[in-house]
Protein backbone atom coordinates (compact mmCIF):
# COMPACT_ATOMS: atom_id res chain seq x y z
CA UNK A 1 -30.20 -33.96 12.96
CA UNK A 2 -30.46 -34.56 9.12
CA UNK A 3 -29.59 -31.27 7.22
CA UNK A 4 -28.78 -30.96 3.28
CA UNK A 5 -25.05 -29.66 2.45
CA UNK A 6 -26.74 -25.94 1.66
CA UNK A 7 -27.82 -26.05 5.33
CA UNK A 8 -25.09 -27.18 7.11
CA UNK A 9 -23.14 -24.14 4.93
CA UNK A 10 -25.64 -21.68 6.93
CA UNK A 11 -25.32 -23.46 10.22
CA UNK A 12 -21.77 -23.56 9.98
CA UNK A 13 -21.69 -19.65 9.34
CA UNK A 14 -24.06 -19.05 12.11
CA UNK A 15 -21.84 -21.35 14.58
CA UNK A 16 -18.87 -18.77 13.50
CA UNK A 17 -20.60 -15.49 14.36
CA UNK A 18 -21.11 -14.78 10.53
CA UNK A 19 -23.94 -12.29 10.10
CA UNK A 20 -22.64 -10.60 6.79
CA UNK A 21 -21.93 -12.47 3.11
CA UNK A 22 -20.66 -10.68 -0.15
CA UNK A 23 -21.61 -12.57 -3.12
CA UNK A 24 -23.06 -13.17 -6.60
CA UNK A 25 -25.51 -16.21 -7.09
CA UNK A 26 -25.38 -18.55 -10.22
CA UNK A 27 -26.36 -22.15 -11.28
CA UNK A 28 -23.91 -24.25 -8.78
CA UNK A 29 -24.26 -22.15 -5.80
CA UNK A 30 -28.17 -22.10 -5.87
CA UNK A 31 -29.00 -24.40 -3.63
CA UNK A 32 -26.80 -22.24 -0.89
CA UNK A 33 -28.38 -19.13 -1.74
CA UNK A 34 -32.00 -20.70 -1.89
CA UNK A 35 -31.13 -21.49 1.67
CA UNK A 36 -29.94 -17.80 2.19
CA UNK A 37 -33.31 -16.71 1.18
CA UNK A 38 -34.78 -18.48 4.33
CA UNK A 39 -32.97 -17.35 6.54
CA UNK A 40 -32.85 -13.59 5.54
CA UNK A 41 -33.67 -12.93 8.93
CA UNK A 42 -30.19 -14.21 10.28
CA UNK A 43 -28.17 -13.28 7.30
CA UNK A 44 -27.61 -9.93 5.38
CA UNK A 45 -26.37 -10.35 1.92
CA UNK A 46 -24.97 -7.70 0.10
CA UNK A 47 -25.31 -8.38 -3.54
CA UNK A 48 -22.49 -6.61 -5.64
CA UNK A 49 -21.99 -5.61 -9.04
CA UNK A 50 -19.35 -8.31 -9.79
CA UNK A 51 -17.65 -10.99 -8.00
CA UNK A 52 -14.26 -9.03 -7.75
CA UNK A 53 -16.25 -6.16 -5.66
CA UNK A 54 -17.25 -9.49 -3.37
CA UNK A 55 -13.85 -10.26 -2.73
CA UNK A 56 -12.63 -6.39 -1.92
CA UNK A 57 -16.04 -6.24 0.27
CA UNK A 58 -15.01 -9.30 2.14
CA UNK A 59 -11.62 -7.89 2.41
CA UNK A 60 -12.54 -4.66 3.56
CA UNK A 61 -15.32 -5.39 6.27
CA UNK A 62 -12.46 -7.89 7.89
CA UNK A 63 -9.83 -5.59 7.62
CA UNK A 64 -11.89 -2.76 9.46
CA UNK A 65 -13.60 -4.90 11.90
CA UNK A 66 -10.96 -7.77 12.83
CA UNK A 67 -13.69 -10.37 11.81
CA UNK A 68 -12.97 -13.09 9.08
CA UNK A 69 -15.23 -11.45 6.00
CA UNK A 70 -17.07 -14.32 4.01
CA UNK A 71 -17.97 -13.98 0.39
CA UNK A 72 -19.31 -16.24 -2.07
CA UNK A 73 -19.61 -17.14 -6.08
CA UNK A 74 -20.55 -19.52 -8.16
CA UNK A 75 -18.67 -22.09 -10.51
CA UNK A 76 -16.37 -20.96 -13.70
CA UNK A 77 -16.15 -17.24 -13.75
CA UNK A 78 -17.94 -16.35 -11.17
CA UNK A 79 -15.01 -18.12 -8.76
CA UNK A 80 -12.32 -16.98 -11.18
CA UNK A 81 -13.69 -13.68 -10.27
CA UNK A 82 -12.55 -13.52 -6.90
CA UNK A 83 -9.27 -14.46 -7.67
CA UNK A 84 -7.82 -10.90 -7.86
CA UNK A 85 -9.47 -10.78 -4.47
CA UNK A 86 -8.42 -13.72 -2.72
CA UNK A 87 -4.84 -12.67 -3.91
CA UNK A 88 -4.74 -9.34 -2.37
CA UNK A 89 -5.78 -10.84 0.99
CA UNK A 90 -3.30 -12.86 1.14
CA UNK A 91 -0.63 -10.58 0.21
CA UNK A 92 -1.87 -8.25 3.29
CA UNK A 93 -2.66 -11.25 5.72
CA UNK A 94 -6.54 -10.30 5.47
CA UNK A 95 -8.61 -13.39 7.07
CA UNK A 96 -11.78 -14.05 4.38
CA UNK A 97 -13.02 -17.31 3.46
CA UNK A 98 -14.45 -17.76 0.18
CA UNK A 99 -17.06 -20.35 -0.64
CA UNK A 100 -17.62 -21.19 -3.97
CA UNK A 101 -19.49 -24.45 -5.72
CA UNK A 102 -18.64 -26.44 -8.36
CA UNK A 103 -20.26 -28.90 -11.15
CA UNK A 104 -21.67 -32.14 -9.78
CA UNK A 105 -18.71 -34.59 -8.78
CA UNK A 106 -19.61 -37.24 -11.67
CA UNK A 107 -18.63 -33.87 -13.95
CA UNK A 108 -15.33 -32.84 -12.46
CA UNK A 109 -12.49 -33.07 -14.85
CA UNK A 110 -15.00 -33.44 -17.88
CA UNK A 111 -14.74 -29.81 -19.03
CA UNK A 112 -18.15 -29.24 -18.10
CA UNK A 113 -20.20 -26.35 -18.31
CA UNK A 114 -18.55 -23.54 -16.02
CA UNK A 115 -16.28 -26.00 -14.70
CA UNK A 116 -12.98 -24.82 -13.54
CA UNK A 117 -10.44 -26.25 -10.88
CA UNK A 118 -10.64 -23.20 -8.56
CA UNK A 119 -8.54 -24.82 -5.69
CA UNK A 120 -5.72 -25.68 -7.73
CA UNK A 121 -5.83 -21.78 -9.30
CA UNK A 122 -5.79 -20.36 -6.13
CA UNK A 123 -3.70 -22.64 -4.13
CA UNK A 124 -0.44 -20.27 -4.26
CA UNK A 125 -2.65 -17.16 -2.93
CA UNK A 126 -4.43 -19.01 -0.09
CA UNK A 127 -3.25 -20.06 3.37
CA UNK A 128 -5.27 -23.38 2.15
CA UNK A 129 -8.05 -24.33 -0.29
CA UNK A 130 -10.44 -27.34 -0.15
CA UNK A 131 -12.86 -29.27 -2.52
CA UNK A 132 -15.74 -30.61 -0.73
CA UNK A 133 -17.02 -33.99 -2.66
CA UNK A 134 -18.47 -35.46 0.85
CA UNK A 135 -21.27 -33.81 2.73
CA UNK A 136 -19.91 -35.68 5.88
CA UNK A 137 -16.91 -33.73 5.84
CA UNK A 138 -18.59 -30.56 4.96
CA UNK A 139 -19.22 -28.94 8.31
CA UNK A 140 -15.52 -30.06 10.04
CA UNK A 141 -14.06 -28.61 6.72
CA UNK A 142 -15.73 -25.10 7.11
CA UNK A 143 -14.68 -24.99 10.54
CA UNK A 144 -11.00 -25.80 9.74
CA UNK A 145 -11.12 -23.14 6.72
CA UNK A 146 -12.29 -20.52 9.45
CA UNK A 147 -9.81 -21.62 12.03
CA UNK A 148 -7.02 -21.08 9.62
CA UNK A 149 -8.12 -17.85 7.96
CA UNK A 150 -7.79 -15.98 11.47
CA UNK A 151 -5.21 -17.84 13.21
CA UNK A 152 -1.67 -17.13 13.21
CA UNK A 153 -0.55 -14.77 9.98
CA UNK A 154 -4.18 -14.47 8.85
CA UNK A 155 -4.99 -15.29 5.41
CA UNK A 156 -7.36 -16.21 2.61
CA UNK A 157 -9.14 -19.76 3.07
CA UNK A 158 -10.93 -21.17 0.02
CA UNK A 159 -13.87 -23.89 0.20
CA UNK A 160 -15.37 -25.55 -3.21
CA UNK A 161 -18.13 -27.29 -2.91
CA UNK A 162 -19.37 -29.84 -5.52
CA UNK A 163 -22.98 -28.71 -6.38
CA UNK A 164 -24.88 -32.31 -5.36
CA UNK A 165 -22.93 -32.22 -1.89
CA UNK A 166 -25.09 -28.96 -1.33
CA UNK A 167 -28.00 -31.25 -2.04
CA UNK A 168 -27.28 -34.38 -0.31
CA UNK A 169 -27.73 -34.75 3.58
CA UNK A 170 -26.31 -36.14 6.72
CA UNK A 171 -26.09 -35.75 10.50
CA UNK A 172 -24.95 -32.77 11.62
CA UNK A 173 -24.20 -31.53 15.41
CA UNK A 174 -23.58 -27.95 15.90
CA UNK A 175 -20.26 -27.12 17.57
CA UNK A 176 -19.91 -24.17 20.25
CA UNK A 177 -17.01 -22.09 18.85
CA UNK A 178 -14.51 -20.24 21.09
CA UNK A 179 -12.44 -17.50 20.18
CA UNK A 180 -8.41 -18.79 19.70
CA UNK A 181 -6.15 -17.32 22.31
CA UNK A 182 -2.52 -16.88 20.80
CA UNK A 183 -0.17 -18.95 22.36
CA UNK A 184 3.29 -18.38 23.43
CA UNK A 185 5.56 -19.94 20.80
CA UNK A 186 8.97 -17.65 21.97
CA UNK A 187 11.26 -18.20 25.13
CA UNK A 188 12.07 -15.77 27.86
CA UNK A 189 15.94 -16.18 26.61
CA UNK A 190 14.63 -14.54 23.13
CA UNK A 191 12.87 -11.54 25.24
CA UNK A 192 15.86 -11.00 27.59
CA UNK A 193 18.14 -10.71 24.46
CA UNK A 194 15.79 -8.39 22.97
CA UNK A 195 15.66 -6.31 26.05
CA UNK A 196 18.85 -6.43 26.07
CA UNK A 197 19.51 -4.93 22.69
CA UNK A 198 17.30 -1.95 23.38
CA UNK A 199 18.59 -1.05 26.46
CA UNK A 200 22.03 -0.56 24.76
CA UNK A 201 20.69 1.39 21.92
CA UNK A 202 21.31 5.34 21.50
CA UNK A 203 19.29 5.84 18.24
CA UNK A 204 16.84 3.17 18.07
CA UNK A 205 13.69 3.63 15.58
CA UNK A 206 10.37 1.67 15.74
CA UNK A 207 9.37 0.63 12.30
CA UNK A 208 5.56 -0.20 12.60
CA UNK A 209 3.94 -3.21 10.05
CA UNK A 210 0.32 -4.27 9.63
CA UNK A 211 1.18 -6.86 12.28
CA UNK A 212 0.60 -4.49 14.66
CA UNK A 213 -3.09 -3.71 13.50
CA UNK A 214 -3.96 -7.01 13.09
CA UNK A 215 -2.76 -7.98 16.89
CA UNK A 216 -4.22 -5.30 18.38
CA UNK A 217 -0.70 -4.18 19.79
CA UNK A 218 -1.67 -0.15 19.68
CA UNK A 219 -1.69 0.39 23.25
CA UNK A 220 0.96 -1.74 23.80
CA UNK A 221 2.90 -0.06 21.12
CA UNK A 222 2.39 3.44 22.47
CA UNK A 223 3.50 2.49 25.70
CA UNK A 224 6.78 1.00 24.35
CA UNK A 225 7.41 3.70 22.02
CA UNK A 226 7.00 6.19 24.95
CA UNK A 227 9.04 4.20 27.51
CA UNK A 228 12.37 3.88 25.13
CA UNK A 229 11.68 7.16 24.06
CA UNK A 230 11.98 6.03 20.09
CA UNK A 231 10.90 8.21 16.89
CA UNK A 232 8.14 5.88 14.97
CA UNK A 233 7.52 5.40 11.58
CA UNK A 234 5.14 3.21 9.91
CA UNK A 235 4.60 1.24 6.39
CA UNK A 236 1.04 1.62 4.26
CA UNK A 237 -0.31 -1.52 6.29
CA UNK A 238 0.95 -0.10 9.83
CA UNK A 239 -1.41 2.98 9.37
CA UNK A 240 -2.74 3.69 12.28
CA UNK A 241 -1.29 1.42 14.92
CA UNK A 242 0.51 4.54 16.15
CA UNK A 243 -1.64 7.70 16.46
CA UNK A 244 -0.21 9.63 13.37
CA UNK A 245 -0.47 13.04 15.54
CA UNK A 246 1.70 11.78 18.23
CA UNK A 247 5.11 14.17 18.66
CA UNK A 248 7.27 10.29 18.09
CA UNK A 249 5.50 10.25 15.08
CA UNK A 250 7.42 10.76 11.62
CA UNK A 251 5.47 9.19 9.04
CA UNK A 252 5.67 6.57 6.32
CA UNK A 253 9.19 4.99 5.44
CA UNK A 254 10.11 3.79 1.83
CA UNK A 255 9.82 4.81 -1.87
CA UNK A 256 7.14 8.15 -1.11
CA UNK A 257 7.89 7.69 2.62
CA UNK A 258 9.22 10.90 4.74
CA UNK A 259 12.54 12.19 4.61
CA UNK A 260 12.82 12.17 7.92
CA UNK A 261 11.65 8.66 8.39
CA UNK A 262 13.61 7.66 5.83
CA UNK A 263 17.07 9.49 6.79
CA UNK A 264 16.59 8.59 10.57
CA UNK A 265 16.08 4.69 9.76
CA UNK A 266 19.20 5.49 7.48
CA UNK A 267 21.29 7.12 11.17
CA UNK A 268 19.65 4.85 13.78
CA UNK A 269 21.87 2.21 15.38
CA UNK A 270 18.86 0.00 16.16
CA UNK A 271 16.00 -0.69 14.02
CA UNK A 272 12.79 -2.28 15.90
CA UNK A 273 10.54 -4.02 12.98
CA UNK A 274 7.15 -4.45 14.71
CA UNK A 275 4.98 -6.89 12.30
CA UNK A 276 6.64 -5.52 9.24
CA UNK A 277 8.03 -7.87 6.78
CA UNK A 278 10.96 -5.21 4.86
CA UNK A 279 9.24 -5.59 1.67
CA UNK A 280 11.11 -3.62 -1.40
CA UNK A 281 9.15 -0.50 -1.52
CA UNK A 282 10.12 -0.27 2.37
CA UNK A 283 13.81 -1.13 1.99
CA UNK A 284 14.93 -0.01 -1.56
CA UNK A 285 18.72 -1.12 -1.52
CA UNK A 286 18.71 -3.97 0.71
CA UNK A 287 22.33 -3.66 1.20
CA UNK A 288 22.40 0.20 1.94
CA UNK A 289 19.37 -0.31 4.02
CA UNK A 290 20.01 0.79 7.62
CA UNK A 291 23.44 0.02 7.45
CA UNK A 292 24.39 1.57 10.60
CA UNK A 293 21.73 -0.48 13.08
CA UNK A 294 21.56 -3.47 14.30
CA UNK A 295 18.14 -5.06 13.36
CA UNK A 296 15.39 -6.10 15.77
CA UNK A 297 12.49 -8.36 14.31
CA UNK A 298 9.13 -9.46 16.20
CA UNK A 299 6.79 -11.16 13.54
CA UNK A 300 4.16 -13.73 14.12
CA UNK A 301 5.40 -15.45 10.86
CA UNK A 302 8.70 -17.26 11.49
CA UNK A 303 9.36 -17.32 7.32
CA UNK A 304 9.45 -13.34 7.90
CA UNK A 305 13.03 -13.60 9.68
CA UNK A 306 15.97 -13.03 7.68
CA UNK A 307 13.87 -13.37 4.70
CA UNK A 308 14.63 -9.67 2.94
CA UNK A 309 17.09 -8.28 5.59
CA UNK A 310 19.20 -10.05 8.20
CA UNK A 311 18.25 -9.94 11.78
CA UNK A 312 20.58 -9.62 14.94
CA UNK A 313 17.64 -10.55 17.40
CA UNK A 314 13.81 -11.65 16.81
CA UNK A 315 11.25 -13.18 18.47
CA UNK A 316 8.35 -14.91 16.86
CA UNK A 317 5.21 -14.81 18.05
CA UNK A 318 1.90 -12.53 18.60
CA UNK A 319 3.34 -9.04 18.53
CA UNK A 320 0.87 -7.71 21.48
CA UNK A 321 2.06 -10.61 23.69
CA UNK A 322 5.61 -9.70 23.12
CA UNK A 323 5.64 -5.90 23.55
CA UNK A 324 3.50 -6.59 26.63
CA UNK A 325 6.40 -8.78 28.13
CA UNK A 326 8.98 -6.44 26.81
CA UNK A 327 7.25 -3.15 28.49
CA UNK A 328 7.10 -5.42 31.71
CA UNK A 329 11.04 -5.42 31.99
CA UNK A 330 11.69 -2.09 30.53
CA UNK A 331 12.07 1.56 32.69
CA UNK A 332 11.63 4.63 30.96
CA UNK A 333 15.07 5.32 28.67
CA UNK A 334 16.26 8.81 28.14
CA UNK A 335 16.82 9.43 24.03
CA UNK A 336 16.71 13.41 24.11
CA UNK A 337 19.69 14.02 22.14
CA UNK A 338 18.44 11.39 19.51
CA UNK A 339 14.89 13.06 19.59
CA UNK A 340 16.37 16.24 18.85
CA UNK A 341 18.32 15.29 16.02
CA UNK A 342 14.68 13.45 14.79
CA UNK A 343 13.10 17.03 15.29
CA UNK A 344 15.81 18.80 13.18
CA UNK A 345 15.15 16.62 10.49
CA UNK A 346 11.23 17.25 11.08
CA UNK A 347 11.69 20.97 10.91
CA UNK A 348 14.11 20.91 7.91
CA UNK A 349 11.96 17.93 5.41
CA UNK A 350 8.30 18.61 5.90
CA UNK A 351 5.88 17.45 3.76
CA UNK A 352 5.08 20.31 1.56
CA UNK A 353 2.90 20.78 -1.87
CA UNK A 354 1.62 23.70 -4.10
CA UNK A 355 -0.47 25.67 -1.59
CA UNK A 356 -2.27 28.09 -5.06
CA UNK A 357 -3.90 25.35 -6.58
CA UNK A 358 -6.21 22.37 -6.28
CA UNK A 359 -4.43 19.36 -5.13
CA UNK A 360 -4.82 16.00 -3.44
CA UNK A 361 -3.00 16.37 -0.23
CA UNK A 362 -4.86 19.78 0.13
CA UNK A 363 -8.19 17.49 -0.37
CA UNK A 364 -6.54 14.93 2.37
CA UNK A 365 -5.66 17.40 4.98
CA UNK A 366 -9.31 19.09 4.76
CA UNK A 367 -10.93 15.37 4.60
CA UNK A 368 -8.44 14.87 7.78
CA UNK A 369 -9.59 17.98 9.29
CA UNK A 370 -13.49 17.39 8.76
CA UNK A 371 -13.25 14.15 9.82
CA UNK A 372 -10.98 14.53 12.83
CA UNK A 373 -8.35 11.79 11.53
CA UNK A 374 -11.44 9.01 12.42
CA UNK A 375 -12.99 8.28 9.41
CA UNK A 376 -12.45 4.59 7.75
CA UNK A 377 -10.22 5.33 4.50
CA UNK A 378 -10.14 3.17 1.65
CA UNK A 379 -7.83 3.96 -1.33
CA UNK A 380 -6.96 2.55 -4.62
CA UNK A 381 -3.59 2.19 -5.75
CA UNK A 382 -1.25 4.82 -7.33
CA UNK A 383 -0.35 8.69 -6.38
CA UNK A 384 -3.47 9.03 -4.70
CA UNK A 385 -2.85 6.54 -2.40
CA UNK A 386 0.15 7.79 -1.49
CA UNK A 387 -1.10 11.31 -1.00
CA UNK A 388 -4.02 9.90 1.29
CA UNK A 389 -1.10 7.50 3.55
CA UNK A 390 0.82 10.93 3.36
CA UNK A 391 -1.60 13.62 4.41
CA UNK A 392 -4.13 12.30 6.24
CA UNK A 393 -3.46 11.45 10.05
CA UNK A 394 -4.73 8.34 10.97
CA UNK A 395 -5.39 8.14 14.93
CA UNK A 396 -6.96 4.46 15.11
CA UNK A 397 -6.00 0.70 14.12
CA UNK A 398 -8.03 -0.69 11.07
CA UNK A 399 -8.95 2.84 9.40
CA UNK A 400 -6.55 2.63 6.28
CA UNK A 401 -7.53 -0.15 4.13
CA UNK A 402 -5.70 -0.19 1.08
CA UNK A 403 -3.79 -2.72 -1.16
CA UNK A 404 -0.22 -2.53 -0.36
CA UNK A 405 1.11 -6.22 -0.95
CA UNK A 406 -0.32 -6.76 -4.62
CA UNK A 407 -1.25 -3.11 -5.45
CA UNK A 408 -4.74 -4.00 -6.64
CA UNK A 409 -6.15 -0.96 -8.92
CA UNK A 410 -10.01 -1.37 -8.10
CA UNK A 411 -9.67 -2.51 -4.62
CA UNK A 412 -11.23 0.64 -2.82
CA UNK A 413 -14.86 1.05 -3.49
CA UNK A 414 -15.51 -2.54 -2.56
CA UNK A 415 -13.55 -2.47 0.83
CA UNK A 416 -15.03 0.60 1.23
CA UNK A 417 -18.54 -0.89 0.70
CA UNK A 418 -17.63 -4.04 2.95
CA UNK A 419 -16.43 -1.33 6.00
CA UNK A 420 -19.53 0.57 5.64
CA UNK A 421 -21.59 -2.65 5.92
CA UNK A 422 -19.06 -3.50 9.18
CA UNK A 423 -18.91 -0.28 10.58
CA UNK A 424 -22.20 1.61 9.94
CA UNK A 425 -21.57 4.21 12.26
CA UNK A 426 -18.43 5.26 10.86
CA UNK A 427 -17.48 7.90 8.14
CA UNK A 428 -16.36 5.52 5.39
CA UNK A 429 -14.61 7.15 2.49
CA UNK A 430 -12.69 6.03 -0.88
CA UNK A 431 -10.16 7.82 -2.59
CA UNK A 432 -9.40 6.74 -6.00
CA UNK A 433 -7.85 7.62 -9.02
CA UNK A 434 -9.78 7.87 -12.21
CA UNK A 435 -7.76 5.11 -13.92
CA UNK A 436 -8.55 2.96 -10.66
CA UNK A 437 -12.20 4.36 -10.27
CA UNK A 438 -13.23 3.19 -13.88
CA UNK A 439 -11.95 -0.43 -12.98
CA UNK A 440 -14.77 -1.39 -10.73
CA UNK A 441 -17.05 2.01 -10.63
CA UNK A 442 -19.83 -0.42 -11.22
CA UNK A 443 -19.99 -0.57 -7.32
CA UNK A 444 -21.15 2.60 -7.32
CA UNK A 445 -24.67 0.72 -8.07
CA UNK A 446 -24.15 -1.66 -4.84
CA UNK A 447 -23.53 1.01 -2.73
CA UNK A 448 -26.90 3.11 -3.99
CA UNK A 449 -28.92 -0.08 -3.91
CA UNK A 450 -28.42 -0.48 -0.30
CA UNK A 451 -28.25 3.44 -0.06
CA UNK A 452 -24.79 3.05 1.87
CA UNK A 453 -23.51 7.00 3.18
CA UNK A 454 -20.43 6.27 2.19
CA UNK A 455 -17.99 9.06 0.04
CA UNK A 456 -16.32 8.32 -3.19
CA UNK A 457 -13.34 10.79 -3.69
CA UNK A 458 -12.11 10.58 -7.21
CA UNK A 459 -8.62 12.31 -7.97
CA UNK A 460 -9.19 12.83 -11.23
CA UNK A 461 -6.36 14.34 -13.37
CA UNK A 462 -7.20 12.19 -17.17
CA UNK A 463 -3.90 10.63 -16.74
CA UNK A 464 -2.59 7.25 -14.85
CA UNK A 465 -0.64 9.34 -12.67
CA UNK A 466 1.82 7.48 -10.73
CA UNK A 467 2.66 5.72 -13.80
CA UNK A 468 3.03 9.18 -15.72
CA UNK A 469 5.36 10.27 -12.84
CA UNK A 470 8.03 7.11 -13.48
CA UNK A 471 7.30 8.13 -17.44
CA UNK A 472 8.41 11.79 -16.83
CA UNK A 473 11.57 11.05 -14.40
CA UNK A 474 12.66 7.70 -15.75
CA UNK A 475 11.34 7.53 -19.45
CA UNK A 476 12.20 10.67 -21.33
CA UNK A 477 8.20 11.96 -20.89
CA UNK A 478 7.40 9.02 -23.41
CA UNK A 479 3.65 9.17 -22.27
CA UNK A 480 2.49 5.52 -23.78
CA UNK A 481 -0.91 4.52 -23.07
CA UNK A 482 -1.43 6.76 -19.80
CA UNK A 483 -3.22 9.50 -21.09
CA UNK A 484 -7.06 9.28 -20.75
CA UNK A 485 -7.87 11.41 -24.13
CA UNK A 486 -11.79 10.85 -23.43
CA UNK A 487 -14.81 12.56 -22.42
CA UNK A 488 -16.22 10.33 -19.48
CA UNK A 489 -18.42 12.50 -17.03
CA UNK A 490 -17.87 10.75 -14.06
CA UNK A 491 -20.60 12.63 -12.15
CA UNK A 492 -23.33 11.48 -15.06
CA UNK A 493 -21.72 8.17 -14.25
CA UNK A 494 -22.39 8.33 -10.74
CA UNK A 495 -25.85 10.14 -11.08
CA UNK A 496 -26.59 7.18 -13.55
CA UNK A 497 -25.84 5.06 -10.89
CA UNK A 498 -28.14 6.40 -8.69
CA UNK A 499 -25.58 8.65 -6.04
CA UNK A 500 -25.20 11.85 -5.61
CA UNK A 501 -22.39 13.25 -7.80
CA UNK A 502 -20.17 17.07 -7.13
CA UNK A 503 -17.85 18.12 -9.69
CA UNK A 504 -14.90 20.37 -8.04
CA UNK A 505 -12.31 22.49 -9.83
CA UNK A 506 -11.53 24.91 -7.09
CA UNK A 507 -9.47 24.37 -4.15
CA UNK A 508 -12.07 26.69 -2.60
CA UNK A 509 -15.07 24.21 -3.50
CA UNK A 510 -13.62 21.07 -1.34
CA UNK A 511 -14.42 22.10 2.53
CA UNK A 512 -18.18 22.74 1.58
CA UNK A 513 -18.30 19.91 -1.04
CA UNK A 514 -16.88 17.23 1.87
CA UNK A 515 -19.38 19.12 4.75
CA UNK A 516 -22.00 18.44 1.98
CA UNK A 517 -21.13 14.56 1.58
CA UNK A 518 -20.94 14.00 4.92
CA UNK A 519 -24.66 15.19 5.61
CA UNK A 520 -26.40 12.88 2.61
CA UNK A 521 -27.85 9.96 3.56
CA UNK A 522 -26.56 7.81 0.57
CA UNK A 523 -23.62 7.34 -1.71
CA UNK A 524 -21.72 10.48 -2.61
CA UNK A 525 -19.07 11.09 -5.71
CA UNK A 526 -16.62 13.97 -5.59
CA UNK A 527 -15.04 14.26 -8.82
CA UNK A 528 -11.81 16.50 -8.24
CA UNK A 529 -10.07 18.01 -11.38
CA UNK A 530 -6.35 18.41 -10.47
CA UNK A 531 -3.57 18.71 -12.78
CA UNK A 532 -1.86 15.78 -15.22
CA UNK A 533 1.72 16.35 -13.66
CA UNK A 534 1.28 16.47 -9.74
CA UNK A 535 3.57 14.37 -8.45
CA UNK A 536 4.09 12.51 -5.19
CA UNK A 537 7.51 13.73 -2.87
CA UNK A 538 9.62 12.22 -1.63
CA UNK A 539 10.47 9.75 -4.11
CA UNK A 540 13.04 6.75 -3.93
CA UNK A 541 13.80 5.48 -7.23
CA UNK A 542 13.30 1.96 -7.59
CA UNK A 543 16.20 -0.06 -6.33
CA UNK A 544 18.01 2.67 -4.47
CA UNK A 545 18.96 3.32 -0.88
CA UNK A 546 16.17 5.11 0.98
CA UNK A 547 18.78 7.67 2.13
CA UNK A 548 18.65 9.01 -1.34
CA UNK A 549 15.12 10.21 -1.02
CA UNK A 550 14.32 13.42 -2.94
CA UNK A 551 11.73 15.82 -3.69
CA UNK A 552 10.72 18.46 -6.11
CA UNK A 553 13.11 21.24 -4.83
CA UNK A 554 16.18 18.88 -5.22
CA UNK A 555 14.68 17.87 -8.52
CA UNK A 556 14.56 21.23 -9.41
CA UNK A 557 18.10 21.74 -8.12
CA UNK A 558 19.38 18.73 -10.30
CA UNK A 559 18.08 20.30 -13.47
CA UNK A 560 19.51 23.37 -12.83
CA UNK A 561 22.77 22.15 -11.95
CA UNK A 562 22.76 20.19 -15.24
């Protein structure tokens, strides 16, 4: 049948099972938006307040559902506004397809109005990018884009289409798309070697990254950890892959990881990395990282093996498949003495915070209690992000959405909107510092437009908290440009954007406010006032060994001994 390029775009989206689009229209993409209008019964389009919000919403939708997220924007500034969201998805291996439209083909390369080489701009931050100049290849290009986005190590793909292609017609034949199954690229010898290393270990430690979430390996991970009786730590991206309430769980590893995880990994004799990339925030000083251990790494991306840390054994492939094969060759292994050592660390070095005032850790614990650890929690980036990771105990995968690799301030609200659209029956909460919130708070208008019952919690300390923490500890308390000496009332802003707002100034108000927010059928903002100098502990100085993690007590003792 003969269809226009714009019609082909929507038919290809239907082939891929897409029913939700996040975007913002403009001149060059109008033909596609005209078709969206005609197919309003088949697609839910979420009009965000800014294209960056659309990219983050597609990202949050993808992370929380496991589907490919789709965002759209027009040419020029519309497409460049997607760049931060695309880079965020790229760093965290999130499958999104960004569809943009450019000027007509004869106008390309002539500095035409709102012309920009978005495929070139995004080349380093996408798995692949296309510019479609011929309507006859449009359908196949879109199909390839989705296949690339979801296959192997997932990631964003950009498809830029010239406007005249969206108006031209060609023959279109629908294709039945089947869910691709992961292929086994590893050998039995590699599995046997891994099993031998595991059996030989006396002090194994499992280090879980985002790959465990992406591959859907939670059940296999639980079986594996219980089989070999190994403690388990995770990264920001690995949150929820292993139940945060499980007795083998020791908390996050790295710069703001628990002392138990950091000290335990420093003492283990086998570190088993599952879908984790040994980022600098986890490793600290690579020369001093897990010095007593052999390293066994399982990852779908061969480029990650030996990239940051030398490995003694590795298996490249889908983590769910790898663990299934390894579990089949294992019998229960007793590591009672090792688990007792780790248990002693837990008793000696618990997470703690000041109990007599309103703090973010208390808010996170109360949120965890009222939602039973089952909410989808997104965050922005900074102190509040670390507190959420430390004190909200995630039970399930795909419930912690955060910008781990790029560290994108302003990410969380858009991601929360995407998560709520994709998971209408789940509680969705975004945690933001006031510095992050002001970057993309315009997306509250999106939440109120669609009456999305989500909760925005602002951890409001009138400073850029994490930067101030570094300035306090390492820059002689020179607070350069980190104090918000202004009179912004975020509750009034929220109400002006159509949301319910509650200001919280006392610890005893937190529980009732969360309870009320959970009962409201629309977006709610909780503006929580905490002290400017609250700090995230434990902490490891940048580039230091993770075994040098310190907390407030250590800092006080150090000051006393000066």
